[in-house]
C-alpha atoms as a PDB file:
ATOM      1  CA  UNK A   1      99.929 168.710  56.835  1.00  0.00           C
ATOM      2  CA  UNK A   2      99.448 167.402  60.053  1.00  0.00           C
ATOM      3  CA  UNK A   3     102.795 168.846  61.505  1.00  0.00           C
ATOM      4  CA  UNK A   4     101.206 172.331  60.449  1.00  0.00           C
ATOM      5  CA  UNK A   5      98.191 171.672  62.612  1.00  0.00           C
ATOM      6  CA  UNK A   6      99.632 170.294  65.789  1.00  0.00           C
ATOM      7  CA  UNK A   7     103.082 171.489  67.239  1.00  0.00           C
ATOM      8  CA  UNK A   8     105.358 168.557  68.135  1.00  0.00           C
ATOM      9  CA  UNK A   9     104.907 168.306  71.607  1.00  0.00           C
ATOM     10  CA  UNK A  10     101.178 167.959  71.220  1.00  0.00           C
ATOM     11  CA  UNK A  11     101.629 165.197  68.406  1.00  0.00           C
ATOM     12  CA  UNK A  12     103.935 163.501  70.932  1.00  0.00           C
ATOM     13  CA  UNK A  13     101.249 164.170  73.634  1.00  0.00           C
ATOM     14  CA  UNK A  14      98.581 162.605  71.755  1.00  0.00           C
ATOM     15  CA  UNK A  15     100.741 159.337  70.593  1.00  0.00           C
ATOM     16  CA  UNK A  16     101.806 158.971  74.468  1.00  0.00           C
ATOM     17  CA  UNK A  17      97.786 159.179  75.556  1.00  0.00           C
ATOM     18  CA  UNK A  18      96.918 156.795  72.564  1.00  0.00           C
ATOM     19  CA  UNK A  19      99.722 154.451  73.634  1.00  0.00           C
ATOM     20  CA  UNK A  20      98.476 154.405  77.419  1.00  0.00           C
ATOM     21  CA  UNK A  21      95.139 153.650  76.286  1.00  0.00           C
ATOM     22  CA  UNK A  22      96.188 150.903  74.162  1.00  0.00           C
ATOM     23  CA  UNK A  23      98.194 149.257  77.176  1.00  0.00           C
ATOM     24  CA  UNK A  24      95.173 149.623  79.468  1.00  0.00           C
ATOM     25  CA  UNK A  25      93.097 148.001  76.890  1.00  0.00           C
ATOM     26  CA  UNK A  26      95.570 145.273  76.703  1.00  0.00           C
ATOM     27  CA  UNK A  27      95.838 144.860  80.264  1.00  0.00           C
ATOM     28  CA  UNK A  28      91.931 144.607  80.620  1.00  0.00           C
ATOM     29  CA  UNK A  29      91.813 142.185  77.754  1.00  0.00           C
ATOM     30  CA  UNK A  30      94.696 139.969  79.656  1.00  0.00           C
ATOM     31  CA  UNK A  31      92.646 140.172  82.993  1.00  0.00           C
ATOM     32  CA  UNK A  32      89.447 138.952  81.157  1.00  0.00           C
ATOM     33  CA  UNK A  33      91.383 136.075  79.722  1.00  0.00           C
ATOM     34  CA  UNK A  34      92.780 135.408  82.959  1.00  0.00           C
ATOM     35  CA  UNK A  35      89.339 135.265  84.653  1.00  0.00           C
ATOM     36  CA  UNK A  36      87.815 133.605  81.655  1.00  0.00           C
ATOM     37  CA  UNK A  37      90.580 130.795  82.036  1.00  0.00           C
ATOM     38  CA  UNK A  38      90.032 130.465  85.927  1.00  0.00           C
ATOM     39  CA  UNK A  39      86.078 130.317  85.553  1.00  0.00           C
ATOM     40  CA  UNK A  40      86.575 127.564  82.756  1.00  0.00           C
ATOM     41  CA  UNK A  41      89.137 125.436  84.906  1.00  0.00           C
ATOM     42  CA  UNK A  42      86.719 126.020  87.982  1.00  0.00           C
ATOM     43  CA  UNK A  43      83.962 125.055  85.581  1.00  0.00           C
ATOM     44  CA  UNK A  44      85.963 121.809  84.331  1.00  0.00           C
ATOM     45  CA  UNK A  45      86.687 120.912  88.118  1.00  0.00           C
ATOM     46  CA  UNK A  46      83.042 121.115  89.195  1.00  0.00           C
ATOM     47  CA  UNK A  47      82.039 119.038  86.411  1.00  0.00           C
ATOM     48  CA  UNK A  48      84.681 116.417  87.237  1.00  0.00           C
ATOM     49  CA  UNK A  49      83.229 116.369  90.730  1.00  0.00           C
ATOM     50  CA  UNK A  50      79.733 116.056  89.651  1.00  0.00           C
ATOM     51  CA  UNK A  51      80.993 113.140  87.551  1.00  0.00           C
ATOM     52  CA  UNK A  52      82.393 111.483  90.218  1.00  0.00           C
ATOM     53  CA  UNK A  53      79.467 112.202  92.623  1.00  0.00           C
ATOM     54  CA  UNK A  54      77.377 110.448  89.995  1.00  0.00           C
ATOM     55  CA  UNK A  55      79.558 107.739  89.656  1.00  0.00           C
ATOM     56  CA  UNK A  56      79.345 107.258  93.710  1.00  0.00           C
ATOM     57  CA  UNK A  57      75.718 107.570  93.365  1.00  0.00           C
ATOM     58  CA  UNK A  58      75.142 104.910  90.616  1.00  0.00           C
ATOM     59  CA  UNK A  59      77.546 102.531  92.855  1.00  0.00           C
ATOM     60  CA  UNK A  60      75.557 103.263  96.243  1.00  0.00           C
ATOM     61  CA  UNK A  61      72.315 102.628  94.467  1.00  0.00           C
ATOM     62  CA  UNK A  62      74.047  99.445  92.916  1.00  0.00           C
ATOM     63  CA  UNK A  63      75.232  98.451  96.673  1.00  0.00           C
ATOM     64  CA  UNK A  64      71.699  99.329  97.956  1.00  0.00           C
ATOM     65  CA  UNK A  65      70.142  97.118  95.414  1.00  0.00           C
ATOM     66  CA  UNK A  66      72.402  94.185  96.401  1.00  0.00           C
ATOM     67  CA  UNK A  67      71.749  95.038  99.996  1.00  0.00           C
ATOM     68  CA  UNK A  68      67.978  94.812  99.574  1.00  0.00           C
ATOM     69  CA  UNK A  69      68.087  91.571  97.521  1.00  0.00           C
ATOM     70  CA  UNK A  70      70.186  90.113 100.404  1.00  0.00           C
ATOM     71  CA  UNK A  71      67.635  91.385 102.860  1.00  0.00           C
ATOM     72  CA  UNK A  72      64.814  89.586 101.022  1.00  0.00           C
ATOM     73  CA  UNK A  73      66.725  86.381 100.701  1.00  0.00           C
ATOM     74  CA  UNK A  74      67.392  86.633 104.603  1.00  0.00           C
ATOM     75  CA  UNK A  75      63.694  87.206 105.205  1.00  0.00           C
ATOM     76  CA  UNK A  76      62.660  84.183 102.966  1.00  0.00           C
ATOM     77  CA  UNK A  77      65.179  81.863 104.627  1.00  0.00           C
ATOM     78  CA  UNK A  78      63.947  83.115 107.990  1.00  0.00           C
ATOM     79  CA  UNK A  79      60.261  82.534 106.802  1.00  0.00           C
ATOM     80  CA  UNK A  80      61.506  78.653 105.734  1.00  0.00           C
ATOM     81  CA  UNK A  81      63.348  77.948 109.070  1.00  0.00           C
ATOM     82  CA  UNK A  82      60.022  79.471 111.000  1.00  0.00           C
ATOM     83  CA  UNK A  83      57.954  77.085 108.616  1.00  0.00           C
ATOM     84  CA  UNK A  84      60.290  74.270 109.523  1.00  0.00           C
ATOM     85  CA  UNK A  85      60.530  75.154 113.210  1.00  0.00           C
ATOM     86  CA  UNK A  86      56.668  74.938 113.233  1.00  0.00           C
ATOM     87  CA  UNK A  87      56.691  71.627 111.515  1.00  0.00           C
ATOM     88  CA  UNK A  88      59.250  70.196 113.974  1.00  0.00           C
ATOM     89  CA  UNK A  89      57.200  71.245 116.819  1.00  0.00           C
ATOM     90  CA  UNK A  90      53.944  69.774 115.366  1.00  0.00           C
ATOM     91  CA  UNK A  91      55.863  66.799 114.626  1.00  0.00           C
ATOM     92  CA  UNK A  92      57.385  66.781 118.241  1.00  0.00           C
ATOM     93  CA  UNK A  93      53.831  67.196 119.960  1.00  0.00           C
ATOM     94  CA  UNK A  94      52.368  64.170 117.994  1.00  0.00           C
ATOM     95  CA  UNK A  95      55.221  62.064 118.871  1.00  0.00           C
ATOM     96  CA  UNK A  96      54.840  63.081 122.418  1.00  0.00           C
ATOM     97  CA  UNK A  97      50.947  62.632 122.054  1.00  0.00           C
ATOM     98  CA  UNK A  98      51.413  59.102 120.806  1.00  0.00           C
ATOM     99  CA  UNK A  99      53.764  58.164 123.684  1.00  0.00           C
ATOM    100  CA  UNK A 100      50.792  58.973 125.982  1.00  0.00           C
END
């Protein structure tokens, strides 16, 4: 049998070597698992940041549209005021002219 082929000390040595390899492999697997966990955590954080940035961007776009609308309204009000001002100036000139 196996005992006849290998002396006891050599068998023990082989078992020890195999155990060391198994431990090393287990440690490597654990390290990979740690790295995968770290990467997936970092990835999740990146996704969360990008999602927040996307929401902030949408909000900013909404604010921009609102500001553009307000600007358009202000320009319209200004144009109306300038038109009324011209009409008033014309009316005033006509009145002054009528007085002469």
